[in-house]
Amino acid sequence: MDPRHLFLDERLRKLCVYCGAEPDTYDHVPSKVLLDEPFPPQLPVVNACERCNSSFSLHEQFLACFLECVLVGTTELSAIRRDKIRRILTENPSLVTRISASRRDDGMGNLLWQTDDDRIRKVMLKLARGHVAYELYPKLEEPRELVVVPLPSLTELERTAFEDTHISDASVWAELGNRSFLRAAGKKPDQFERVGDWIVVQPGRYRYAVVETGGPLVRLVLSEYLACQVVWE
């Protein structure tokens, strides 16, 4: 039996975890464009409708390409380290032009990138909804907090707090039978490495944590650079 589909309340099989509509497909969380090949085995999948699944694809592709260009400091194809991203940019010159236009020099030799905040927040919220649905239960309402920042911009104290490997509140128990409960009980519903509350989907590329703190809290890190925290009541 596929462990990605274990322990799921039957009520939750009947809705898209992003909009609540009737699902007619599955979506990988995280999206494969954010990972390198070969992909990790048993990637989490959640129920989705085709409309949500397809509507996020271009946003995720943009974020993956933009992030790689920021990390290497250029849109020059020869400098792109990720094969997948190089292929996407080679096939999509207009995307290269768009990302290049966001590159700035502050006049003091510092390289700046103007982000498409709305697009990035949409992807991060989508990822957070997927992880919450997979680990706990779907949350369709808007979160109380959604913060996206580069890890290097955090102070040492902020970075330490964000990287905490024991985020969960011992007084708050996850619902019996869901994946978060099983992890807390020392079980492994998948093959991913776990460091405290952090689940490492692909080292150096993607990790996340989902805990109950009176409401779901999700932390994500993409390419060990872009960090996000999403909190629901």
Protein backbone atom coordinates (compact mmCIF):
# COMPACT_ATOMS: atom_id res chain seq x y z
CA MET A 1 0.00 0.00 0.00
CA ASP A 2 1.30 3.45 -0.92
CA PRO A 3 2.15 5.27 2.35
CA ARG A 4 1.40 8.60 0.69
CA HIS A 5 -2.27 7.66 0.84
CA LEU A 6 -2.41 6.17 4.33
CA PHE A 7 -4.23 7.57 7.36
CA LEU A 8 -6.38 10.01 5.39
CA ASP A 9 -9.87 10.75 6.68
CA GLU A 10 -12.35 9.73 3.96
CA ARG A 11 -14.00 13.17 4.21
CA LEU A 12 -10.77 14.73 2.98
CA ARG A 13 -10.63 12.60 -0.15
CA LYS A 14 -13.54 14.58 -1.55
CA LEU A 15 -12.01 18.04 -1.86
CA CYS A 16 -9.22 19.91 -3.55
CA VAL A 17 -6.86 20.95 -0.75
CA TYR A 18 -6.37 24.37 -2.40
CA CYS A 19 -9.93 25.52 -3.12
CA GLY A 20 -12.31 22.91 -1.70
CA ALA A 21 -13.74 21.87 -5.07
CA GLU A 22 -14.19 18.25 -6.10
CA PRO A 23 -10.74 16.81 -6.90
CA ASP A 24 -10.03 15.21 -10.24
CA THR A 25 -6.22 14.90 -10.06
CA TYR A 26 -3.28 14.79 -7.67
CA ASP A 27 -0.56 17.34 -7.03
CA HIS A 28 2.98 16.77 -5.79
CA VAL A 29 4.00 18.73 -2.72
CA PRO A 30 6.57 20.11 -3.24
CA SER A 31 6.24 20.61 -6.98
CA LYS A 32 8.85 18.77 -9.02
CA VAL A 33 10.14 21.98 -10.62
CA LEU A 34 11.52 22.92 -7.20
CA LEU A 35 13.51 19.68 -6.98
CA ASP A 36 16.36 18.07 -8.90
CA GLU A 37 16.33 14.75 -10.72
CA PRO A 38 16.38 11.99 -9.74
CA PHE A 39 13.39 12.88 -7.62
CA PRO A 40 13.10 11.51 -4.09
CA PRO A 41 10.92 8.39 -3.82
CA GLN A 42 7.40 8.66 -2.46
CA LEU A 43 6.97 12.38 -3.01
CA PRO A 44 3.90 13.56 -1.09
CA VAL A 45 0.76 13.93 -3.18
CA VAL A 46 -2.50 15.65 -2.29
CA ASN A 47 -5.92 15.87 -3.87
CA ALA A 48 -6.40 18.79 -6.25
CA CYS A 49 -8.69 19.98 -9.00
CA GLU A 50 -7.25 20.39 -12.49
CA ARG A 51 -7.91 24.14 -12.40
CA CYS A 52 -5.76 24.70 -9.29
CA ASN A 53 -3.11 22.26 -10.42
CA SER A 54 -2.60 23.98 -13.77
CA SER A 55 -3.04 27.56 -12.53
CA PHE A 56 -0.06 27.31 -10.18
CA SER A 57 2.33 25.73 -12.70
CA LEU A 58 3.61 28.94 -14.32
CA HIS A 59 4.00 30.65 -10.93
CA GLU A 60 6.07 27.72 -9.64
CA GLN A 61 8.16 27.65 -12.79
CA PHE A 62 8.83 31.38 -12.46
CA LEU A 63 9.84 31.06 -8.81
CA ALA A 64 12.19 28.13 -9.48
CA CYS A 65 13.90 30.00 -12.33
CA PHE A 66 14.02 33.33 -10.49
CA LEU A 67 15.50 31.71 -7.38
CA GLU A 68 18.24 29.96 -9.35
CA CYS A 69 19.16 33.19 -11.15
CA VAL A 70 19.34 35.04 -7.83
CA LEU A 71 21.59 32.34 -6.37
CA VAL A 72 24.05 32.41 -9.28
CA GLY A 73 23.75 36.18 -9.71
CA THR A 74 22.88 36.18 -13.40
CA THR A 75 20.49 34.93 -16.10
CA GLU A 76 23.39 33.77 -18.29
CA LEU A 77 22.51 30.20 -19.23
CA SER A 78 26.10 29.00 -18.91
CA ALA A 79 26.07 29.96 -15.22
CA ILE A 80 22.82 28.16 -14.35
CA ARG A 81 23.67 25.13 -12.21
CA ARG A 82 20.35 23.28 -12.27
CA ASP A 83 19.86 21.37 -15.54
CA LYS A 84 16.10 21.61 -15.36
CA ILE A 85 16.15 25.38 -14.93
CA ARG A 86 18.62 25.79 -17.77
CA ARG A 87 16.27 23.83 -20.04
CA ILE A 88 13.26 25.94 -19.04
CA LEU A 89 15.12 29.20 -19.62
CA THR A 90 16.52 27.98 -22.94
CA GLU A 91 13.00 27.18 -24.15
CA ASN A 92 11.51 30.40 -22.78
CA PRO A 93 13.54 33.49 -23.77
CA SER A 94 10.73 35.80 -22.61
CA LEU A 95 11.14 34.45 -19.08
CA VAL A 96 14.87 35.18 -19.26
CA THR A 97 14.06 38.73 -20.35
CA ARG A 98 11.57 39.19 -17.53
CA ILE A 99 13.97 37.94 -14.86
CA SER A 100 16.84 39.96 -16.31
CA ALA A 101 14.70 43.11 -16.08
CA SER A 102 14.37 42.59 -12.32
CA ARG A 103 18.15 42.68 -11.83
CA ARG A 104 19.48 45.96 -10.47
CA ASP A 105 22.75 47.51 -9.34
CA ASP A 106 22.39 49.90 -6.41
CA GLY A 107 25.28 52.02 -7.68
CA MET A 108 27.56 50.81 -4.91
CA GLY A 109 28.44 47.48 -6.49
CA ASN A 110 25.63 45.56 -4.80
CA LEU A 111 23.36 43.37 -6.88
CA LEU A 112 19.62 43.69 -6.16
CA TRP A 113 16.67 41.72 -7.51
CA GLN A 114 13.15 43.13 -7.60
CA THR A 115 10.83 40.30 -6.62
CA ASP A 116 7.33 39.55 -7.86
CA ASP A 117 5.96 39.37 -4.32
CA ASP A 118 2.41 38.42 -5.30
CA ARG A 119 3.57 35.47 -7.38
CA ILE A 120 6.00 34.24 -4.75
CA ARG A 121 3.41 34.48 -1.97
CA LYS A 122 0.91 32.52 -4.07
CA VAL A 123 3.38 29.68 -4.52
CA MET A 124 4.41 29.65 -0.86
CA LEU A 125 0.80 29.59 0.33
CA LYS A 126 0.03 26.83 -2.14
CA LEU A 127 2.95 24.77 -0.84
CA ALA A 128 1.94 25.41 2.77
CA ARG A 129 -1.66 24.33 2.09
CA GLY A 130 -0.37 21.15 0.47
CA HIS A 131 1.90 20.28 3.39
CA VAL A 132 -0.79 21.01 5.98
CA ALA A 133 -3.26 18.81 4.10
CA TYR A 134 -0.72 16.00 3.82
CA GLU A 135 0.49 16.11 7.42
CA LEU A 136 -2.63 17.27 9.29
CA TYR A 137 -5.82 18.34 7.52
CA PRO A 138 -6.79 20.85 4.79
CA LYS A 139 -6.88 24.56 5.66
CA LEU A 140 -8.77 26.51 3.00
CA GLU A 141 -9.12 29.81 4.84
CA GLU A 142 -6.53 32.56 4.64
CA PRO A 143 -3.65 32.24 7.13
CA ARG A 144 -3.07 34.64 9.99
CA GLU A 145 0.55 35.09 8.93
CA LEU A 146 2.54 34.54 5.75
CA VAL A 147 6.16 35.74 5.75
CA VAL A 148 8.70 35.12 2.99
CA VAL A 149 12.33 36.19 3.48
CA PRO A 150 15.81 35.19 2.29
CA LEU A 151 17.57 33.29 5.06
CA PRO A 152 20.68 35.52 4.84
CA SER A 153 18.55 38.55 5.71
CA LEU A 154 17.64 37.15 9.13
CA THR A 155 19.55 38.17 12.22
CA GLU A 156 21.39 35.45 14.09
CA LEU A 157 18.64 35.34 16.71
CA GLU A 158 15.88 35.18 14.06
CA ARG A 159 17.73 32.46 12.15
CA THR A 160 18.18 30.38 15.31
CA ALA A 161 14.48 30.67 16.14
CA PHE A 162 13.43 29.78 12.60
CA GLU A 163 15.78 26.80 12.38
CA ASP A 164 14.62 25.38 15.72
CA THR A 165 14.33 21.62 15.32
CA HIS A 166 11.67 21.32 18.01
CA ILE A 167 8.98 23.77 17.01
CA SER A 168 5.96 21.86 18.25
CA ASP A 169 4.22 22.51 21.55
CA ALA A 170 4.23 19.31 23.58
CA SER A 171 0.88 20.30 25.11
CA VAL A 172 -0.83 20.29 21.68
CA TRP A 173 -1.48 16.85 20.21
CA ALA A 174 -2.06 16.24 16.52
CA GLU A 175 -5.23 14.41 15.52
CA LEU A 176 -5.01 10.66 16.06
CA GLY A 177 -3.94 8.80 12.92
CA ASN A 178 -2.67 11.65 10.76
CA ARG A 179 0.95 11.78 9.59
CA SER A 180 1.98 14.44 12.06
CA PHE A 181 0.72 12.24 14.91
CA LEU A 182 2.63 9.26 13.53
CA ARG A 183 5.84 11.26 13.25
CA ALA A 184 5.41 12.46 16.85
CA ALA A 185 4.97 8.83 17.87
CA GLY A 186 8.28 7.91 16.23
CA LYS A 187 6.78 6.27 13.13
CA LYS A 188 7.90 6.95 9.54
CA PRO A 189 5.05 7.37 7.03
CA ASP A 190 7.66 8.10 4.30
CA GLN A 191 11.38 7.74 3.60
CA PHE A 192 12.46 11.33 4.16
CA GLU A 193 15.16 12.26 6.62
CA ARG A 194 13.82 14.03 9.67
CA VAL A 195 15.75 16.52 11.79
CA GLY A 196 13.52 17.27 14.75
CA ASP A 197 10.34 18.73 13.25
CA TRP A 198 12.04 19.42 9.90
CA ILE A 199 11.41 16.98 7.04
CA VAL A 200 14.15 17.01 4.39
CA VAL A 201 12.59 16.19 1.03
CA GLN A 202 15.84 16.77 -0.89
CA PRO A 203 19.03 17.92 0.87
CA GLY A 204 20.06 21.40 -0.15
CA ARG A 205 16.93 21.85 -2.23
CA TYR A 206 13.77 21.58 -0.11
CA ARG A 207 12.74 21.03 3.50
CA TYR A 208 9.65 21.79 5.54
CA ALA A 209 8.12 21.51 8.98
CA VAL A 210 4.44 21.26 9.91
CA VAL A 211 3.32 21.38 13.53
CA GLU A 212 0.22 22.09 15.59
CA THR A 213 0.55 25.14 17.83
CA GLY A 214 -3.14 25.68 18.48
CA GLY A 215 -3.37 26.01 14.70
CA PRO A 216 -1.13 24.73 11.90
CA LEU A 217 2.32 26.30 11.50
CA VAL A 218 4.34 25.60 8.36
CA ARG A 219 7.96 26.47 7.66
CA LEU A 220 9.60 26.00 4.27
CA VAL A 221 13.11 26.47 2.92
CA LEU A 222 13.85 26.42 -0.81
CA SER A 223 17.43 25.91 -2.02
CA GLU A 224 18.67 26.77 1.48
CA TYR A 225 17.97 30.40 0.64
CA LEU A 226 14.29 31.34 0.56
CA ALA A 227 12.43 30.84 3.83
CA CYS A 228 8.73 31.04 4.55
CA GLN A 229 6.48 30.75 7.59
CA VAL A 230 2.72 30.35 7.35
CA VAL A 231 0.47 30.27 10.43
CA TRP A 232 -3.25 29.57 10.73
CA GLU A 233 -5.47 30.15 13.74
